[in-house]
Amino acid sequence: MPYDNAMAESVIGLYKTEVINKQGPWRHRQAVEFASLAWVDWFNNEAAAVNL
């Protein structure tokens, strides 16, 4: 069954803009991992609460 993945693409675009492009260039993979974890935590807990 086909589905619309616009929401997933939107979240990925936001992640790339807010984390990868703004905080780079990256020297180590571990730095990207920690920044990604921090962003996911923020997105799941802080950003979701603002939209309520």
N, C-alpha and C. Protein backbone atom coordinates (compact mmCIF):
# COMPACT_ATOMS: atom_id res chain seq x y z
N MET A 1 0.85 -1.18 0.00
CA MET A 1 0.00 0.00 0.00
C MET A 1 0.90 1.24 0.00
N PRO A 2 0.72 2.14 -0.94
CA PRO A 2 1.51 3.37 -0.97
C PRO A 2 1.13 4.31 0.17
N TYR A 3 2.07 5.09 0.61
CA TYR A 3 1.81 6.03 1.68
C TYR A 3 2.55 7.33 1.39
N ASP A 4 2.14 8.38 2.06
CA ASP A 4 2.75 9.68 1.90
C ASP A 4 3.83 9.85 2.96
N ASN A 5 5.06 10.03 2.54
CA ASN A 5 6.14 10.16 3.50
C ASN A 5 6.58 11.62 3.67
N ALA A 6 5.68 12.55 3.44
CA ALA A 6 6.01 13.97 3.55
C ALA A 6 6.39 14.34 4.98
N MET A 7 5.76 13.76 5.96
CA MET A 7 6.08 14.08 7.35
C MET A 7 7.50 13.63 7.69
N ALA A 8 7.86 12.43 7.29
CA ALA A 8 9.22 11.94 7.54
C ALA A 8 10.25 12.81 6.84
N GLU A 9 9.98 13.19 5.60
CA GLU A 9 10.90 14.05 4.86
C GLU A 9 11.03 15.41 5.53
N SER A 10 9.96 15.92 6.09
CA SER A 10 9.98 17.19 6.78
C SER A 10 10.85 17.12 8.04
N VAL A 11 10.73 16.05 8.80
CA VAL A 11 11.52 15.89 10.01
C VAL A 11 13.00 15.71 9.66
N ILE A 12 13.28 14.95 8.62
CA ILE A 12 14.67 14.76 8.19
C ILE A 12 15.26 16.09 7.73
N GLY A 13 14.49 16.88 7.00
CA GLY A 13 14.96 18.19 6.56
C GLY A 13 15.23 19.11 7.74
N LEU A 14 14.36 19.09 8.74
CA LEU A 14 14.56 19.90 9.93
C LEU A 14 15.83 19.47 10.66
N TYR A 15 16.03 18.16 10.79
CA TYR A 15 17.23 17.62 11.44
C TYR A 15 18.49 18.08 10.72
N LYS A 16 18.49 17.97 9.40
CA LYS A 16 19.67 18.37 8.63
C LYS A 16 19.95 19.85 8.78
N THR A 17 18.90 20.66 8.78
CA THR A 17 19.08 22.10 8.90
C THR A 17 19.56 22.49 10.29
N GLU A 18 18.92 21.95 11.32
CA GLU A 18 19.21 22.35 12.69
C GLU A 18 20.48 21.74 13.26
N VAL A 19 20.82 20.53 12.87
CA VAL A 19 21.96 19.84 13.48
C VAL A 19 23.15 19.78 12.53
N ILE A 20 22.97 19.14 11.42
CA ILE A 20 24.09 18.83 10.55
C ILE A 20 24.69 20.10 9.94
N ASN A 21 23.87 20.96 9.37
CA ASN A 21 24.41 22.14 8.70
C ASN A 21 24.85 23.23 9.67
N LYS A 22 24.10 23.47 10.74
CA LYS A 22 24.43 24.55 11.67
C LYS A 22 25.60 24.23 12.58
N GLN A 23 25.75 22.97 12.98
CA GLN A 23 26.77 22.63 13.96
C GLN A 23 28.04 22.06 13.35
N GLY A 24 28.04 21.81 12.04
CA GLY A 24 29.22 21.25 11.38
C GLY A 24 30.26 22.32 11.16
N PRO A 25 31.40 22.04 10.60
CA PRO A 25 31.83 20.71 10.13
C PRO A 25 32.18 19.79 11.30
N TRP A 26 32.02 18.52 11.06
CA TRP A 26 32.20 17.51 12.09
C TRP A 26 33.58 16.88 11.98
N ARG A 27 34.25 16.75 13.09
CA ARG A 27 35.58 16.15 13.11
C ARG A 27 35.54 14.65 13.39
N HIS A 28 34.52 14.24 14.16
CA HIS A 28 34.44 12.83 14.54
C HIS A 28 33.00 12.35 14.44
N ARG A 29 32.86 11.09 14.12
CA ARG A 29 31.52 10.50 14.04
C ARG A 29 30.81 10.55 15.39
N GLN A 30 31.56 10.41 16.45
CA GLN A 30 30.97 10.44 17.80
C GLN A 30 30.31 11.78 18.08
N ALA A 31 30.88 12.86 17.59
CA ALA A 31 30.28 14.18 17.79
C ALA A 31 28.92 14.27 17.10
N VAL A 32 28.82 13.69 15.91
CA VAL A 32 27.54 13.66 15.19
C VAL A 32 26.53 12.83 15.95
N GLU A 33 26.96 11.71 16.49
CA GLU A 33 26.06 10.84 17.24
C GLU A 33 25.51 11.54 18.48
N PHE A 34 26.36 12.21 19.25
CA PHE A 34 25.90 12.90 20.45
C PHE A 34 24.98 14.07 20.11
N ALA A 35 25.31 14.82 19.06
CA ALA A 35 24.45 15.92 18.65
C ALA A 35 23.10 15.40 18.17
N SER A 36 23.10 14.27 17.48
CA SER A 36 21.86 13.67 17.01
C SER A 36 20.99 13.21 18.18
N LEU A 37 21.62 12.58 19.16
CA LEU A 37 20.87 12.14 20.34
C LEU A 37 20.27 13.32 21.09
N ALA A 38 21.03 14.39 21.22
CA ALA A 38 20.52 15.58 21.91
C ALA A 38 19.35 16.17 21.14
N TRP A 39 19.43 16.20 19.81
CA TRP A 39 18.36 16.77 19.00
C TRP A 39 17.10 15.90 19.08
N VAL A 40 17.26 14.59 19.03
CA VAL A 40 16.10 13.69 19.13
C VAL A 40 15.43 13.86 20.49
N ASP A 41 16.22 13.98 21.54
CA ASP A 41 15.66 14.21 22.87
C ASP A 41 14.88 15.52 22.89
N TRP A 42 15.46 16.57 22.35
CA TRP A 42 14.77 17.87 22.29
C TRP A 42 13.49 17.76 21.47
N PHE A 43 13.56 17.14 20.31
CA PHE A 43 12.41 17.03 19.42
C PHE A 43 11.28 16.25 20.08
N ASN A 44 11.61 15.15 20.75
CA ASN A 44 10.58 14.31 21.37
C ASN A 44 9.98 14.93 22.62
N ASN A 45 10.75 15.71 23.35
CA ASN A 45 10.27 16.22 24.64
C ASN A 45 9.92 17.71 24.62
N GLU A 46 10.74 18.53 24.04
CA GLU A 46 10.53 19.96 24.08
C GLU A 46 9.65 20.45 22.91
N ALA A 47 10.00 20.08 21.70
CA ALA A 47 9.28 20.57 20.53
C ALA A 47 7.85 20.07 20.52
N ALA A 48 7.62 18.85 20.92
CA ALA A 48 6.27 18.30 20.94
C ALA A 48 5.40 19.04 21.95
N ALA A 49 5.96 19.45 23.07
CA ALA A 49 5.20 20.16 24.09
C ALA A 49 4.80 21.57 23.64
N VAL A 50 5.61 22.19 22.82
CA VAL A 50 5.32 23.55 22.34
C VAL A 50 4.10 23.54 21.43
N ASN A 51 3.94 22.48 20.65
CA ASN A 51 2.85 22.42 19.68
C ASN A 51 1.50 22.06 20.30
N LEU A 52 1.50 21.67 21.56
CA LEU A 52 0.23 21.30 22.20
C LEU A 52 -0.48 22.53 22.56
